[in-house]
Amino acid sequence: MRSILLKAASSGELLEMIYQDCKGSISQRGIKVLSVKEESFRAYCYIRKQQRTFKISNILSVGPVRSMRRGA
């Protein structure tokens, strides 16, 4: 996961992340990675509309933002 974050930080690619906070709450967020450290990373969170610090170990899933699907 760290390699995905480092790549996104250098390219500016937007990511979609499923994250579990320290209280056990799970959320899905759109993020733009700003910097990556050994155990955490700083990103702009489009849900909270502010910069946040996340623990890498709390990521359940992360990947490129999927295109919006249109249904019936």
PDB file of N, CA and C in Angstrom:
ATOM      1  N   MET A   1       0.819  -1.200   0.000  1.00  0.00           N
ATOM      2  CA  MET A   1       0.000   0.000   0.000  1.00  0.00           C
ATOM      3  C   MET A   1       0.858   1.258   0.000  1.00  0.00           C
ATOM      4  N   ARG A   2       1.983   1.176   0.691  1.00  0.00           N
ATOM      5  CA  ARG A   2       2.860   2.344   0.762  1.00  0.00           C
ATOM      6  C   ARG A   2       3.321   2.776  -0.636  1.00  0.00           C
ATOM      7  N   SER A   3       3.585   1.791  -1.509  1.00  0.00           N
ATOM      8  CA  SER A   3       4.040   2.115  -2.865  1.00  0.00           C
ATOM      9  C   SER A   3       2.945   2.840  -3.661  1.00  0.00           C
ATOM     10  N   ILE A   4       1.689   2.463  -3.465  1.00  0.00           N
ATOM     11  CA  ILE A   4       0.566   3.145  -4.130  1.00  0.00           C
ATOM     12  C   ILE A   4       0.490   4.594  -3.653  1.00  0.00           C
ATOM     13  N   LEU A   5       0.669   4.801  -2.347  1.00  0.00           N
ATOM     14  CA  LEU A   5       0.619   6.149  -1.784  1.00  0.00           C
ATOM     15  C   LEU A   5       1.765   7.011  -2.307  1.00  0.00           C
ATOM     16  N   LEU A   6       2.977   6.436  -2.365  1.00  0.00           N
ATOM     17  CA  LEU A   6       4.138   7.187  -2.868  1.00  0.00           C
ATOM     18  C   LEU A   6       3.951   7.574  -4.334  1.00  0.00           C
ATOM     19  N   LYS A   7       3.433   6.646  -5.123  1.00  0.00           N
ATOM     20  CA  LYS A   7       3.181   6.923  -6.544  1.00  0.00           C
ATOM     21  C   LYS A   7       2.150   8.036  -6.700  1.00  0.00           C
ATOM     22  N   ALA A   8       1.080   7.975  -5.917  1.00  0.00           N
ATOM     23  CA  ALA A   8       0.023   8.992  -5.987  1.00  0.00           C
ATOM     24  C   ALA A   8       0.536  10.356  -5.521  1.00  0.00           C
ATOM     25  N   ALA A   9       1.412  10.359  -4.525  1.00  0.00           N
ATOM     26  CA  ALA A   9       1.976  11.626  -4.033  1.00  0.00           C
ATOM     27  C   ALA A   9       2.813  12.300  -5.112  1.00  0.00           C
ATOM     28  N   SER A  10       3.574  11.516  -5.868  1.00  0.00           N
ATOM     29  CA  SER A  10       4.431  12.103  -6.902  1.00  0.00           C
ATOM     30  C   SER A  10       3.660  12.482  -8.163  1.00  0.00           C
ATOM     31  N   SER A  11       2.597  11.733  -8.481  1.00  0.00           N
ATOM     32  CA  SER A  11       1.848  11.998  -9.719  1.00  0.00           C
ATOM     33  C   SER A  11       0.650  12.928  -9.520  1.00  0.00           C
ATOM     34  N   GLY A  12       0.185  13.068  -8.277  1.00  0.00           N
ATOM     35  CA  GLY A  12      -1.001  13.881  -8.022  1.00  0.00           C
ATOM     36  C   GLY A  12      -2.299  13.144  -8.295  1.00  0.00           C
ATOM     37  N   GLU A  13      -2.210  11.833  -8.508  1.00  0.00           N
ATOM     38  CA  GLU A  13      -3.389  11.012  -8.801  1.00  0.00           C
ATOM     39  C   GLU A  13      -4.336  10.972  -7.589  1.00  0.00           C
ATOM     40  N   LEU A  14      -5.628  11.040  -7.848  1.00  0.00           N
ATOM     41  CA  LEU A  14      -6.626  10.935  -6.793  1.00  0.00           C
ATOM     42  C   LEU A  14      -6.876   9.470  -6.483  1.00  0.00           C
ATOM     43  N   LEU A  15      -7.046   9.172  -5.190  1.00  0.00           N
ATOM     44  CA  LEU A  15      -7.273   7.806  -4.756  1.00  0.00           C
ATOM     45  C   LEU A  15      -8.601   7.684  -4.028  1.00  0.00           C
ATOM     46  N   GLU A  16      -9.122   6.478  -4.036  1.00  0.00           N
ATOM     47  CA  GLU A  16     -10.307   6.132  -3.265  1.00  0.00           C
ATOM     48  C   GLU A  16      -9.825   5.174  -2.173  1.00  0.00           C
ATOM     49  N   MET A  17     -10.192   5.467  -0.926  1.00  0.00           N
ATOM     50  CA  MET A  17      -9.672   4.694   0.196  1.00  0.00           C
ATOM     51  C   MET A  17     -10.808   4.252   1.110  1.00  0.00           C
ATOM     52  N   ILE A  18     -10.715   3.017   1.597  1.00  0.00           N
ATOM     53  CA  ILE A  18     -11.594   2.553   2.661  1.00  0.00           C
ATOM     54  C   ILE A  18     -10.718   2.485   3.901  1.00  0.00           C
ATOM     55  N   TYR A  19     -11.125   3.196   4.944  1.00  0.00           N
ATOM     56  CA  TYR A  19     -10.276   3.431   6.108  1.00  0.00           C
ATOM     57  C   TYR A  19     -11.032   3.138   7.392  1.00  0.00           C
ATOM     58  N   GLN A  20     -10.342   2.517   8.345  1.00  0.00           N
ATOM     59  CA  GLN A  20     -10.929   2.246   9.659  1.00  0.00           C
ATOM     60  C   GLN A  20     -10.201   3.115  10.680  1.00  0.00           C
ATOM     61  N   ASP A  21     -10.944   3.997  11.360  1.00  0.00           N
ATOM     62  CA  ASP A  21     -10.301   4.877  12.339  1.00  0.00           C
ATOM     63  C   ASP A  21     -10.043   4.136  13.651  1.00  0.00           C
ATOM     64  N   CYS A  22      -9.416   4.824  14.599  1.00  0.00           N
ATOM     65  CA  CYS A  22      -9.028   4.192  15.865  1.00  0.00           C
ATOM     66  C   CYS A  22     -10.230   3.741  16.698  1.00  0.00           C
ATOM     67  N   LYS A  23     -11.419   4.266  16.414  1.00  0.00           N
ATOM     68  CA  LYS A  23     -12.632   3.863  17.137  1.00  0.00           C
ATOM     69  C   LYS A  23     -13.344   2.690  16.457  1.00  0.00           C
ATOM     70  N   GLY A  24     -12.827   2.279  15.293  1.00  0.00           N
ATOM     71  CA  GLY A  24     -13.424   1.157  14.577  1.00  0.00           C
ATOM     72  C   GLY A  24     -14.416   1.544  13.495  1.00  0.00           C
ATOM     73  N   SER A  25     -14.666   2.842  13.314  1.00  0.00           N
ATOM     74  CA  SER A  25     -15.590   3.294  12.272  1.00  0.00           C
ATOM     75  C   SER A  25     -14.926   3.172  10.908  1.00  0.00           C
ATOM     76  N   ILE A  26     -15.684   2.683   9.935  1.00  0.00           N
ATOM     77  CA  ILE A  26     -15.159   2.512   8.584  1.00  0.00           C
ATOM     78  C   ILE A  26     -15.777   3.570   7.681  1.00  0.00           C
ATOM     79  N   SER A  27     -14.926   4.187   6.841  1.00  0.00           N
ATOM     80  CA  SER A  27     -15.417   5.200   5.905  1.00  0.00           C
ATOM     81  C   SER A  27     -14.741   5.023   4.554  1.00  0.00           C
ATOM     82  N   GLN A  28     -15.430   5.479   3.522  1.00  0.00           N
ATOM     83  CA  GLN A  28     -14.867   5.492   2.174  1.00  0.00           C
ATOM     84  C   GLN A  28     -14.611   6.941   1.826  1.00  0.00           C
ATOM     85  N   ARG A  29     -13.389   7.240   1.382  1.00  0.00           N
ATOM     86  CA  ARG A  29     -13.000   8.628   1.160  1.00  0.00           C
ATOM     87  C   ARG A  29     -12.277   8.789  -0.166  1.00  0.00           C
ATOM     88  N   GLY A  30     -12.455   9.934  -0.755  1.00  0.00           N
ATOM     89  CA  GLY A  30     -11.630  10.351  -1.885  1.00  0.00           C
ATOM     90  C   GLY A  30     -10.511  11.195  -1.321  1.00  0.00           C
ATOM     91  N   ILE A  31      -9.262  10.891  -1.703  1.00  0.00           N
ATOM     92  CA  ILE A  31      -8.120  11.616  -1.139  1.00  0.00           C
ATOM     93  C   ILE A  31      -7.114  11.990  -2.216  1.00  0.00           C
ATOM     94  N   LYS A  32      -6.319  13.013  -1.912  1.00  0.00           N
ATOM     95  CA  LYS A  32      -5.153  13.377  -2.711  1.00  0.00           C
ATOM     96  C   LYS A  32      -3.969  13.348  -1.757  1.00  0.00           C
ATOM     97  N   VAL A  33      -3.031  12.435  -1.985  1.00  0.00           N
ATOM     98  CA  VAL A  33      -1.888  12.244  -1.090  1.00  0.00           C
ATOM     99  C   VAL A  33      -0.916  13.408  -1.237  1.00  0.00           C
ATOM    100  N   LEU A  34      -0.538  13.997  -0.103  1.00  0.00           N
ATOM    101  CA  LEU A  34       0.384  15.132  -0.096  1.00  0.00           C
ATOM    102  C   LEU A  34       1.798  14.718   0.299  1.00  0.00           C
ATOM    103  N   SER A  35       1.920  13.844   1.307  1.00  0.00           N
ATOM    104  CA  SER A  35       3.238  13.368   1.741  1.00  0.00           C
ATOM    105  C   SER A  35       3.080  12.021   2.429  1.00  0.00           C
ATOM    106  N   VAL A  36       4.153  11.231   2.380  1.00  0.00           N
ATOM    107  CA  VAL A  36       4.133   9.890   2.963  1.00  0.00           C
ATOM    108  C   VAL A  36       5.322   9.755   3.910  1.00  0.00           C
ATOM    109  N   LYS A  37       5.047   9.280   5.124  1.00  0.00           N
ATOM    110  CA  LYS A  37       6.088   8.989   6.106  1.00  0.00           C
ATOM    111  C   LYS A  37       6.151   7.478   6.290  1.00  0.00           C
ATOM    112  N   GLU A  38       6.914   7.022   7.260  1.00  0.00           N
ATOM    113  CA  GLU A  38       7.095   5.582   7.472  1.00  0.00           C
ATOM    114  C   GLU A  38       5.793   4.873   7.839  1.00  0.00           C
ATOM    115  N   GLU A  39       5.036   5.421   8.798  1.00  0.00           N
ATOM    116  CA  GLU A  39       3.820   4.756   9.278  1.00  0.00           C
ATOM    117  C   GLU A  39       2.535   5.532   9.033  1.00  0.00           C
ATOM    118  N   SER A  40       2.641   6.733   8.474  1.00  0.00           N
ATOM    119  CA  SER A  40       1.455   7.554   8.244  1.00  0.00           C
ATOM    120  C   SER A  40       1.632   8.363   6.958  1.00  0.00           C
ATOM    121  N   PHE A  41       0.552   9.016   6.555  1.00  0.00           N
ATOM    122  CA  PHE A  41       0.632   9.899   5.397  1.00  0.00           C
ATOM    123  C   PHE A  41      -0.347  11.049   5.567  1.00  0.00           C
ATOM    124  N   ARG A  42      -0.055  12.144   4.887  1.00  0.00           N
ATOM    125  CA  ARG A  42      -0.887  13.343   4.924  1.00  0.00           C
ATOM    126  C   ARG A  42      -1.597  13.429   3.584  1.00  0.00           C
ATOM    127  N   ALA A  43      -2.902  13.700   3.628  1.00  0.00           N
ATOM    128  CA  ALA A  43      -3.680  13.780   2.397  1.00  0.00           C
ATOM    129  C   ALA A  43      -4.803  14.794   2.550  1.00  0.00           C
ATOM    130  N   TYR A  44      -5.229  15.332   1.410  1.00  0.00           N
ATOM    131  CA  TYR A  44      -6.432  16.155   1.411  1.00  0.00           C
ATOM    132  C   TYR A  44      -7.612  15.205   1.289  1.00  0.00           C
ATOM    133  N   CYS A  45      -8.551  15.295   2.228  1.00  0.00           N
ATOM    134  CA  CYS A  45      -9.732  14.440   2.247  1.00  0.00           C
ATOM    135  C   CYS A  45     -10.903  15.230   1.659  1.00  0.00           C
ATOM    136  N   TYR A  46     -11.483  14.711   0.586  1.00  0.00           N
ATOM    137  CA  TYR A  46     -12.595  15.401  -0.070  1.00  0.00           C
ATOM    138  C   TYR A  46     -13.904  15.263   0.697  1.00  0.00           C
ATOM    139  N   ILE A  47     -13.999  14.312   1.628  1.00  0.00           N
ATOM    140  CA  ILE A  47     -15.190  14.181   2.480  1.00  0.00           C
ATOM    141  C   ILE A  47     -15.187  15.288   3.539  1.00  0.00           C
ATOM    142  N   ARG A  48     -14.065  15.448   4.232  1.00  0.00           N
ATOM    143  CA  ARG A  48     -13.943  16.446   5.306  1.00  0.00           C
ATOM    144  C   ARG A  48     -13.550  17.829   4.795  1.00  0.00           C
ATOM    145  N   LYS A  49     -13.097  17.879   3.525  1.00  0.00           N
ATOM    146  CA  LYS A  49     -12.659  19.132   2.892  1.00  0.00           C
ATOM    147  C   LYS A  49     -11.529  19.806   3.679  1.00  0.00           C
ATOM    148  N   GLN A  50     -10.568  18.970   4.106  1.00  0.00           N
ATOM    149  CA  GLN A  50      -9.394  19.478   4.809  1.00  0.00           C
ATOM    150  C   GLN A  50      -8.269  18.449   4.775  1.00  0.00           C
ATOM    151  N   GLN A  51      -7.065  18.915   5.092  1.00  0.00           N
ATOM    152  CA  GLN A  51      -5.936  17.995   5.169  1.00  0.00           C
ATOM    153  C   GLN A  51      -6.059  17.154   6.424  1.00  0.00           C
ATOM    154  N   ARG A  52      -5.750  15.859   6.282  1.00  0.00           N
ATOM    155  CA  ARG A  52      -5.833  14.923   7.398  1.00  0.00           C
ATOM    156  C   ARG A  52      -4.585  14.056   7.412  1.00  0.00           C
ATOM    157  N   THR A  53      -4.257  13.501   8.586  1.00  0.00           N
ATOM    158  CA  THR A  53      -3.176  12.532   8.705  1.00  0.00           C
ATOM    159  C   THR A  53      -3.799  11.170   8.956  1.00  0.00           C
ATOM    160  N   PHE A  54      -3.366  10.176   8.173  1.00  0.00           N
ATOM    161  CA  PHE A  54      -3.898   8.824   8.269  1.00  0.00           C
ATOM    162  C   PHE A  54      -2.772   7.846   8.584  1.00  0.00           C
ATOM    163  N   LYS A  55      -3.098   6.787   9.337  1.00  0.00           N
ATOM    164  CA  LYS A  55      -2.146   5.702   9.593  1.00  0.00           C
ATOM    165  C   LYS A  55      -2.241   4.707   8.447  1.00  0.00           C
ATOM    166  N   ILE A  56      -1.099   4.340   7.889  1.00  0.00           N
ATOM    167  CA  ILE A  56      -1.085   3.379   6.786  1.00  0.00           C
ATOM    168  C   ILE A  56      -1.665   2.042   7.234  1.00  0.00           C
ATOM    169  N   SER A  57      -1.410   1.661   8.475  1.00  0.00           N
ATOM    170  CA  SER A  57      -1.887   0.367   8.978  1.00  0.00           C
ATOM    171  C   SER A  57      -3.414   0.301   9.096  1.00  0.00           C
ATOM    172  N   ASN A  58      -4.111   1.442   9.071  1.00  0.00           N
ATOM    173  CA  ASN A  58      -5.573   1.461   9.182  1.00  0.00           C
ATOM    174  C   ASN A  58      -6.288   1.450   7.831  1.00  0.00           C
ATOM    175  N   ILE A  59      -5.523   1.408   6.739  1.00  0.00           N
ATOM    176  CA  ILE A  59      -6.133   1.355   5.407  1.00  0.00           C
ATOM    177  C   ILE A  59      -6.634  -0.065   5.153  1.00  0.00           C
ATOM    178  N   LEU A  60      -7.897  -0.188   4.800  1.00  0.00           N
ATOM    179  CA  LEU A  60      -8.456  -1.483   4.435  1.00  0.00           C
ATOM    180  C   LEU A  60      -8.313  -1.740   2.940  1.00  0.00           C
ATOM    181  N   SER A  61      -8.411  -0.669   2.146  1.00  0.00           N
ATOM    182  CA  SER A  61      -8.302  -0.775   0.694  1.00  0.00           C
ATOM    183  C   SER A  61      -7.976   0.606   0.134  1.00  0.00           C
ATOM    184  N   VAL A  62      -7.161   0.651  -0.914  1.00  0.00           N
ATOM    185  CA  VAL A  62      -6.858   1.929  -1.570  1.00  0.00           C
ATOM    186  C   VAL A  62      -6.544   1.661  -3.035  1.00  0.00           C
ATOM    187  N   GLY A  63      -6.984   2.576  -3.894  1.00  0.00           N
ATOM    188  CA  GLY A  63      -6.724   2.439  -5.323  1.00  0.00           C
ATOM    189  C   GLY A  63      -7.165   3.685  -6.053  1.00  0.00           C
ATOM    190  N   PRO A  64      -6.944   3.719  -7.363  1.00  0.00           N
ATOM    191  CA  PRO A  64      -7.356   4.884  -8.163  1.00  0.00           C
ATOM    192  C   PRO A  64      -8.865   5.089  -8.081  1.00  0.00           C
ATOM    193  N   VAL A  65      -9.281   6.327  -8.197  1.00  0.00           N
ATOM    194  CA  VAL A  65     -10.714   6.644  -8.190  1.00  0.00           C
ATOM    195  C   VAL A  65     -11.348   5.994  -9.400  1.00  0.00           C
ATOM    196  N   ARG A  66     -12.395   5.215  -9.147  1.00  0.00           N
ATOM    197  CA  ARG A  66     -13.118   4.562 -10.234  1.00  0.00           C
ATOM    198  C   ARG A  66     -14.041   5.561 -10.910  1.00  0.00           C
ATOM    199  N   SER A  67     -14.245   5.403 -12.207  1.00  0.00           N
ATOM    200  CA  SER A  67     -15.148   6.294 -12.915  1.00  0.00           C
ATOM    201  C   SER A  67     -16.579   6.038 -12.463  1.00  0.00           C
ATOM    202  N   MET A  68     -17.382   7.066 -12.551  1.00  0.00           N
ATOM    203  CA  MET A  68     -18.762   6.955 -12.099  1.00  0.00           C
ATOM    204  C   MET A  68     -19.555   6.085 -13.066  1.00  0.00           C
ATOM    205  N   ARG A  69     -20.299   5.161 -12.509  1.00  0.00           N
ATOM    206  CA  ARG A  69     -21.133   4.276 -13.329  1.00  0.00           C
ATOM    207  C   ARG A  69     -22.550   4.843 -13.409  1.00  0.00           C
ATOM    208  N   ARG A  70     -23.149   4.696 -14.560  1.00  0.00           N
ATOM    209  CA  ARG A  70     -24.525   5.142 -14.718  1.00  0.00           C
ATOM    210  C   ARG A  70     -25.433   3.927 -14.795  1.00  0.00           C
ATOM    211  N   GLY A  71     -26.474   3.960 -14.020  1.00  0.00           N
ATOM    212  CA  GLY A  71     -27.406   2.834 -13.999  1.00  0.00           C
ATOM    213  C   GLY A  71     -28.784   3.247 -14.443  1.00  0.00           C
ATOM    214  N   ALA A  72     -29.698   2.316 -14.371  1.00  0.00           N
ATOM    215  CA  ALA A  72     -31.072   2.565 -14.792  1.00  0.00           C
ATOM    216  C   ALA A  72     -31.820   3.368 -13.758  1.00  0.00           C
TER     217      ALA A  72
END
